[in-house]
Structures are given as C-alpha cells and as structure tokens.
Amino acid sequence: MTRTILYASLLAICAAGANSQQQQNFDSVQIHVEPVQHNIYMLVGAGGNTTVQVGSEGVLMVDTQFAPLAPKLMAEIRKLSPGPIRYIINTHMHPDHVGGNAAIAKLAGSDPALPLKIIANENVLNRLTATERGQAPFPEAGLPIDEYGTPTKNLHFNGEAIIIYHEPNAHTDGDSVVLFRGSDVISAGDIFTPDGYPFIDIERGGSVQGEILALNHILQMTVPAKTQEGGTYVIPGHGRICDDADVVEFRDMVVIIRDRVRDMIQKGMTLDQVKAARPTRDYDTEYVTSNSFVTADRFVEAVYKSLSK
C-alpha cells in the first residue's frame, strides 16, 4: 500500500464526508503488519497507520483507520495476541483515524470486568459530537469515553508506562502523541508525515507554529542510537517507520517554509503572490507526488493563513 493511495483515500473521505466511506472499495485493501520494537507493531492499510501494543494484559491500539477495515485489522491483531482489546487511543478526529472505533468496539465484544476504553483529547470528543447539517452523527459506541483536558494523560499497561501528550493547535486542536516509554516508541499521528507536507487543518484549530512546537516536543523525546540511526522509533500518521533523523529533516523543512512565508508576508505579499513565488520549490520533489493530499499550494496556503491570524 503506497503513501499516495493512503492519501487519496483520505482526500476522498475528507472531501465528501464520512458517508462517502460507503463509496470506497476496501475489499482489495490488505493490512500489512510491521514489527517496530519490543511488543509494538505498526499496521498499515488505508487511512492512518494503526499502532498496536500487545502483552499479557491485552491489546492497546492507537487509531483505527476506516470502519470497513475493522475485520481485517482484528484478524491481524488476533495473529499477534488473543487478548482483549482494552484501549483505543485516537491521535485526532479525522475519519481515517477514528472511523473504525465503533466497529472495533463491536468486534472486541463487551466484558464488564475488562471494558474497552477509548481515549482522546477532549477536543476530539467535542468535534466528533458537533454534527454539521446533513452529516450523519458519529457512532456513539466509537466516541472517546475517557477524554482528557490536561497536558498529559498516563496509564500503565502490559508492563510499561504509556504517556499521552496533548499537542495544542498543531495538525488540529486535539492532537495526541503517544509515548511507549518502555519500548522506546512514539506514535505521532498526522503531526508527522515523512513523505508528504503536513496537513495543517486550520478550520479545526491547526497552526504552523503549533505544528513546529509539536515536532520539537517529539524530538525532545527521541534518542538516536549509533550514527544517529535507530534508537527511539517514531510511527507517523502516514508512511514508514522513522527515527530521530527523519523527524529532524521534516521539522527543519516546516521551519524553513514557515520562515520564507513569514518574510513574504512582512513584505506585504498577497497569498496569490506567495504561491506564485513557490517558497517550497526545493522541497516539492521530496514531498509532493501527482496524488498528494497536501499539494505545495495547499501547504503554503495553510502556513500563510496560520501566520496571518
């Protein structure tokens, strides 16, 4: 499953709303399982990457992709662990990351002694329950019932500390980054997308300054191994398993584009003039393809609008 296909799926869903899931063909999608480190795995299908932690206490998931993929996700998870699904953590509210919540909850079954908890920042719950006109309500069974409004939320599961950090106004206003402290793995959500420009969702509280702060925070938590390779591994919202050096490269790109656009704004240039100047031109070959969800113009526009507020 290539990144361009993942982004094309996201574009279709976000452009037409959650109901357009019925129009997507998920039959041919295969779920690929990639070991990350210790008992952490990355599951790649269509939509955002899913992080899975397994152990003697059961299974913890970070993000659930699209609802039609839930049976395939569960089938692969069952190859890793027969234990109960105990936690789902949502990194943000976009449908390619939360769409499978209710379906996974149904497949997981109900056990009063071992209830499934869905965790997310309170802004995720607020946005999922704020149904717009003509939009179907988000399934109640998939809503976060353990939302948090503090800078961090901690739990201990499968023998390791798991720390959930709220990254304010980055990709959205409800972003969470999940640190598996014992395994030395970070699940970053769409704050970090190494093969494409970040989607700064201005309408849902995103900002370029918050994006940079979040990336800097991720880098504060990563420790590279020998020759700057390996060490802490970072699971992005879309794309390959990464390490500290990959996040540095991505962060530096965002900072440089931010500075270029800010300089043009200070010179009084309009958005159209900034786009025409192509401040991303030396990065486009690395971060843009013909099917990219975030085009160069879209990224520049988000940075411009963010800095102009």
Protein backbone atom coordinates (compact mmCIF):
# COMPACT_ATOMS: atom_id res chain seq x y z
CA MET A 1 0.00 0.00 0.00
CA THR A 2 1.74 3.17 -1.15
CA ARG A 3 1.52 6.51 0.59
CA THR A 4 -0.20 8.07 -2.44
CA ILE A 5 -3.04 5.54 -2.16
CA LEU A 6 -3.37 6.27 1.56
CA TYR A 7 -3.56 9.99 0.90
CA ALA A 8 -6.02 9.52 -1.95
CA SER A 9 -8.31 7.64 0.43
CA LEU A 10 -8.04 10.41 2.99
CA LEU A 11 -8.79 13.05 0.37
CA ALA A 12 -11.93 11.25 -0.75
CA ILE A 13 -13.23 10.86 2.79
CA CYS A 14 -12.47 14.39 3.95
CA ALA A 15 -13.82 15.96 0.79
CA ALA A 16 -17.13 14.16 0.74
CA GLY A 17 -17.68 13.44 4.44
CA ALA A 18 -17.81 10.28 6.45
CA ASN A 19 -20.76 8.94 4.49
CA SER A 20 -18.55 8.56 1.42
CA GLN A 21 -16.96 5.55 3.13
CA GLN A 22 -19.77 3.59 1.51
CA GLN A 23 -18.33 4.52 -1.89
CA GLN A 24 -14.78 3.40 -1.15
CA ASN A 25 -13.60 -0.01 -2.25
CA PHE A 26 -11.91 -1.56 0.76
CA ASP A 27 -12.23 -5.14 -0.46
CA SER A 28 -8.80 -5.14 -2.05
CA VAL A 29 -7.05 -3.42 0.86
CA GLN A 30 -4.58 -5.62 2.69
CA ILE A 31 -3.37 -4.91 6.20
CA HIS A 32 0.41 -5.08 6.47
CA VAL A 33 1.94 -5.71 9.89
CA GLU A 34 5.38 -4.29 10.57
CA PRO A 35 7.23 -5.02 13.84
CA VAL A 36 8.57 -1.81 15.34
CA GLN A 37 10.31 -2.55 18.63
CA HIS A 38 9.66 -4.84 21.61
CA ASN A 39 5.89 -5.53 21.66
CA ILE A 40 4.86 -2.63 19.38
CA TYR A 41 3.63 -3.11 15.82
CA MET A 42 2.51 -0.80 13.00
CA LEU A 43 -0.50 -1.88 10.92
CA VAL A 44 -0.79 -0.26 7.51
CA GLY A 45 -3.95 -0.40 5.42
CA ALA A 46 -5.99 2.50 4.07
CA GLY A 47 -6.08 5.68 6.10
CA GLY A 48 -3.82 6.46 9.01
CA ASN A 49 -1.35 3.99 10.44
CA THR A 50 -2.51 1.94 13.42
CA THR A 51 -0.14 1.31 16.32
CA VAL A 52 -0.68 -1.87 18.33
CA GLN A 53 0.84 -2.80 21.68
CA VAL A 54 0.33 -6.40 22.86
CA GLY A 55 1.10 -8.15 26.11
CA SER A 56 -0.22 -10.21 28.99
CA GLU A 57 -2.94 -7.68 29.84
CA GLY A 58 -4.35 -7.48 26.34
CA VAL A 59 -4.17 -5.12 23.37
CA LEU A 60 -3.88 -1.35 23.05
CA MET A 61 -4.49 0.36 19.70
CA VAL A 62 -3.64 3.85 18.53
CA ASP A 63 -6.08 4.88 15.75
CA THR A 64 -8.45 2.57 13.91
CA GLN A 65 -8.42 3.57 10.20
CA PHE A 66 -11.82 3.20 8.40
CA ALA A 67 -14.79 1.19 9.70
CA PRO A 68 -14.92 -1.30 6.77
CA LEU A 69 -11.35 -2.35 7.59
CA ALA A 70 -12.12 -3.31 11.19
CA PRO A 71 -12.49 -7.07 10.48
CA LYS A 72 -9.17 -7.10 8.63
CA LEU A 73 -7.47 -5.16 11.42
CA MET A 74 -8.88 -7.52 14.02
CA ALA A 75 -7.76 -10.55 12.03
CA GLU A 76 -4.17 -9.30 12.02
CA ILE A 77 -4.32 -8.29 15.69
CA ARG A 78 -5.51 -11.78 16.59
CA LYS A 79 -2.37 -13.18 14.97
CA LEU A 80 -0.39 -11.05 17.43
CA SER A 81 -2.48 -11.61 20.56
CA PRO A 82 -5.65 -13.45 21.65
CA GLY A 83 -6.10 -10.97 24.49
CA PRO A 84 -8.95 -8.47 24.89
CA ILE A 85 -8.86 -5.06 23.21
CA ARG A 86 -8.54 -2.85 26.29
CA TYR A 87 -7.68 0.57 24.94
CA ILE A 88 -8.07 2.65 21.77
CA ILE A 89 -6.21 5.96 21.72
CA ASN A 90 -7.16 8.42 18.97
CA THR A 91 -4.46 10.88 17.91
CA HIS A 92 -7.08 13.26 16.44
CA MET A 93 -10.56 13.36 14.94
CA HIS A 94 -10.09 12.84 11.20
CA PRO A 95 -12.17 9.93 9.87
CA ASP A 96 -9.24 7.91 8.58
CA HIS A 97 -8.00 7.65 12.19
CA VAL A 98 -11.26 7.28 14.17
CA GLY A 99 -13.58 5.70 11.61
CA GLY A 100 -13.06 2.17 12.89
CA ASN A 101 -13.66 2.94 16.59
CA ALA A 102 -17.23 1.66 16.82
CA ALA A 103 -16.61 -1.34 14.57
CA ILE A 104 -13.56 -2.40 16.58
CA ALA A 105 -15.53 -1.95 19.80
CA LYS A 106 -18.28 -4.22 18.44
CA LEU A 107 -15.83 -6.88 17.29
CA ALA A 108 -14.00 -6.73 20.60
CA GLY A 109 -17.18 -7.58 22.49
CA SER A 110 -18.20 -6.37 25.93
CA ASP A 111 -16.76 -7.65 29.18
CA PRO A 112 -17.76 -5.66 32.30
CA ALA A 113 -14.61 -6.87 34.02
CA LEU A 114 -12.34 -5.71 31.17
CA PRO A 115 -14.12 -2.79 29.48
CA LEU A 116 -12.74 -1.20 26.33
CA LYS A 117 -11.82 2.43 26.87
CA ILE A 118 -11.47 4.93 24.03
CA ILE A 119 -9.09 7.75 24.94
CA ALA A 120 -8.62 11.10 23.19
CA ASN A 121 -8.18 14.75 23.95
CA GLU A 122 -11.44 16.48 24.87
CA ASN A 123 -11.36 18.50 21.64
CA VAL A 124 -11.69 15.25 19.68
CA LEU A 125 -14.89 14.40 21.54
CA ASN A 126 -16.20 17.94 21.08
CA ARG A 127 -15.67 17.85 17.33
CA LEU A 128 -16.99 14.31 16.84
CA THR A 129 -20.23 15.23 18.61
CA ALA A 130 -20.67 18.57 16.83
CA THR A 131 -22.51 17.17 13.82
CA GLU A 132 -22.84 19.52 10.87
CA ARG A 133 -26.04 19.86 8.84
CA GLY A 134 -26.56 16.87 6.57
CA GLN A 135 -23.81 14.86 8.26
CA ALA A 136 -24.61 11.57 9.98
CA PRO A 137 -23.78 11.58 13.70
CA PHE A 138 -20.63 9.78 14.75
CA PRO A 139 -21.48 6.33 16.20
CA GLU A 140 -21.90 6.64 19.96
CA ALA A 141 -20.04 3.38 20.55
CA GLY A 142 -16.95 4.91 18.91
CA LEU A 143 -16.83 8.13 20.93
CA PRO A 144 -13.98 8.68 23.40
CA ILE A 145 -15.40 7.91 26.85
CA ASP A 146 -12.12 8.65 28.60
CA GLU A 147 -11.31 12.10 27.22
CA TYR A 148 -8.66 14.25 28.86
CA GLY A 149 -8.23 18.03 29.08
CA THR A 150 -4.86 18.15 30.80
CA PRO A 151 -1.43 18.45 29.13
CA THR A 152 -0.80 14.72 29.64
CA LYS A 153 -2.60 11.50 30.47
CA ASN A 154 -0.76 8.47 31.81
CA LEU A 155 -1.51 4.79 32.06
CA HIS A 156 0.44 1.61 32.77
CA PHE A 157 -0.37 -1.33 30.54
CA ASN A 158 1.41 -4.53 29.54
CA GLY A 159 4.30 -3.75 31.84
CA GLU A 160 5.18 -0.30 30.56
CA ALA A 161 4.32 3.33 31.14
CA ILE A 162 2.35 4.97 28.34
CA ILE A 163 2.24 8.76 28.30
CA ILE A 164 -0.24 10.64 26.11
CA TYR A 165 0.67 14.25 25.35
CA HIS A 166 -1.72 16.88 24.05
CA GLU A 167 -0.05 18.94 21.32
CA PRO A 168 -2.16 22.13 21.16
CA ASN A 169 -3.07 23.64 17.79
CA ALA A 170 -0.66 21.57 15.68
CA HIS A 171 -2.26 19.40 12.97
CA THR A 172 -5.61 20.08 14.73
CA ASP A 173 -6.55 21.36 18.19
CA GLY A 174 -6.99 17.83 19.54
CA ASP A 175 -3.72 16.12 18.62
CA SER A 176 -2.22 13.48 20.90
CA VAL A 177 1.27 12.00 20.74
CA VAL A 178 1.68 8.64 22.46
CA LEU A 179 4.98 7.62 24.06
CA PHE A 180 5.54 3.95 24.87
CA ARG A 181 8.27 4.57 27.39
CA GLY A 182 9.49 1.02 27.92
CA SER A 183 9.50 0.11 24.23
CA ASP A 184 11.02 3.50 23.23
CA VAL A 185 8.40 4.08 20.52
CA ILE A 186 6.34 7.18 19.73
CA SER A 187 3.05 7.18 17.83
CA ALA A 188 2.86 10.68 16.34
CA GLY A 189 -0.37 10.79 14.34
CA ASP A 190 -0.62 13.26 11.48
CA ILE A 191 1.69 15.77 13.11
CA PHE A 192 4.42 13.81 11.37
CA THR A 193 4.00 12.57 7.78
CA PRO A 194 7.54 11.98 6.46
CA ASP A 195 6.69 11.52 2.77
CA GLY A 196 4.30 14.45 2.37
CA TYR A 197 3.74 18.01 3.52
CA PRO A 198 1.82 18.18 6.80
CA PHE A 199 -1.93 18.78 6.66
CA ILE A 200 -2.39 21.81 8.89
CA ASP A 201 -6.14 21.80 9.43
CA ILE A 202 -6.77 25.49 10.07
CA GLU A 203 -10.55 25.02 10.31
CA ARG A 204 -10.07 22.55 13.16
CA GLY A 205 -7.55 24.50 15.16
CA GLY A 206 -4.30 23.63 13.42
CA SER A 207 -1.42 26.10 13.05
CA VAL A 208 2.10 26.06 11.70
CA GLN A 209 3.51 27.35 14.99
CA GLY A 210 1.78 24.56 16.90
CA GLU A 211 2.99 22.05 14.31
CA ILE A 212 6.60 23.12 14.86
CA LEU A 213 6.24 23.06 18.65
CA ALA A 214 4.80 19.54 18.46
CA LEU A 215 7.64 18.33 16.24
CA ASN A 216 10.16 19.88 18.62
CA HIS A 217 8.48 18.07 21.51
CA ILE A 218 8.71 14.76 19.66
CA LEU A 219 12.42 15.42 19.13
CA GLN A 220 12.86 16.09 22.84
CA MET A 221 11.59 12.55 23.47
CA THR A 222 13.62 10.77 20.77
CA VAL A 223 17.12 9.48 21.45
CA PRO A 224 19.04 8.21 18.41
CA ALA A 225 21.35 5.24 18.58
CA LYS A 226 24.72 4.78 16.90
CA THR A 227 25.41 7.10 13.92
CA GLN A 228 22.04 8.82 14.52
CA GLU A 229 20.13 5.75 13.34
CA GLY A 230 17.61 3.68 15.27
CA GLY A 231 17.12 4.30 18.98
CA THR A 232 13.65 5.74 19.50
CA TYR A 233 11.32 4.79 16.67
CA VAL A 234 8.52 7.09 15.51
CA ILE A 235 5.33 5.79 13.90
CA PRO A 236 3.92 8.55 11.69
CA GLY A 237 0.29 9.18 10.81
CA HIS A 238 1.06 8.00 7.27
CA GLY A 239 4.22 6.49 5.86
CA ARG A 240 7.14 4.41 7.01
CA ILE A 241 8.61 3.73 10.45
CA CYS A 242 11.05 6.54 11.24
CA ASP A 243 13.65 7.65 13.75
CA ASP A 244 15.06 10.88 15.15
CA ALA A 245 16.87 11.87 11.95
CA ASP A 246 13.67 11.65 9.90
CA VAL A 247 11.80 13.90 12.31
CA VAL A 248 14.66 16.41 12.28
CA GLU A 249 14.56 16.60 8.49
CA PHE A 250 10.78 17.06 8.49
CA ARG A 251 10.86 19.67 11.28
CA ASP A 252 13.57 21.66 9.53
CA MET A 253 11.54 21.71 6.31
CA VAL A 254 8.47 23.07 8.10
CA VAL A 255 10.54 25.73 9.88
CA ILE A 256 12.23 26.86 6.67
CA ILE A 257 8.93 27.14 4.78
CA ARG A 258 7.39 28.98 7.75
CA ASP A 259 10.25 31.48 7.75
CA ARG A 260 10.07 32.04 3.99
CA VAL A 261 6.32 32.64 4.02
CA ARG A 262 6.57 34.90 7.07
CA ASP A 263 9.21 37.00 5.32
CA MET A 264 6.94 37.37 2.28
CA ILE A 265 4.00 38.37 4.48
CA GLN A 266 6.16 41.04 6.13
CA LYS A 267 6.92 42.38 2.65
CA GLY A 268 3.19 42.80 2.05
CA MET A 269 2.77 39.98 -0.45
CA THR A 270 -0.69 38.53 -1.00
CA LEU A 271 -1.45 34.82 -0.81
CA ASP A 272 -1.51 34.54 -4.60
CA GLN A 273 1.84 36.29 -4.83
CA VAL A 274 3.34 33.98 -2.22
CA LYS A 275 2.06 30.92 -4.07
CA ALA A 276 3.49 32.26 -7.32
CA ALA A 277 6.89 32.71 -5.64
CA ARG A 278 6.90 28.95 -4.85
CA PRO A 279 8.60 29.02 -1.44
CA THR A 280 8.50 25.20 -1.34
CA ARG A 281 10.09 24.63 -4.75
CA ASP A 282 13.28 22.96 -3.46
CA TYR A 283 11.23 20.51 -1.34
CA ASP A 284 8.45 19.65 -3.77
CA THR A 285 10.26 16.72 -5.36
CA GLU A 286 10.54 15.07 -1.93
CA TYR A 287 7.11 15.86 -0.50
CA VAL A 288 4.74 16.06 -3.48
CA THR A 289 3.52 13.49 -5.99
CA SER A 290 0.72 13.68 -8.54
CA ASN A 291 -1.70 12.18 -5.99
CA SER A 292 -0.56 14.04 -2.88
CA PHE A 293 -3.31 15.01 -0.46
CA VAL A 294 -1.38 18.14 0.58
CA THR A 295 -0.12 19.91 -2.52
CA ALA A 296 2.56 22.58 -2.34
CA ASP A 297 -0.05 25.31 -2.81
CA ARG A 298 -2.26 23.86 -0.10
CA PHE A 299 0.63 23.71 2.35
CA VAL A 300 1.69 27.26 1.54
CA GLU A 301 -1.88 28.49 1.93
CA ALA A 302 -2.20 26.85 5.34
CA VAL A 303 1.08 28.39 6.51
CA TYR A 304 0.08 31.81 5.14
CA LYS A 305 -3.34 31.77 6.79
CA SER A 306 -1.89 30.50 10.04
CA LEU A 307 0.71 33.28 10.18
CA SER A 308 -1.80 35.93 9.10
CA LYS A 309 -4.14 35.30 12.01
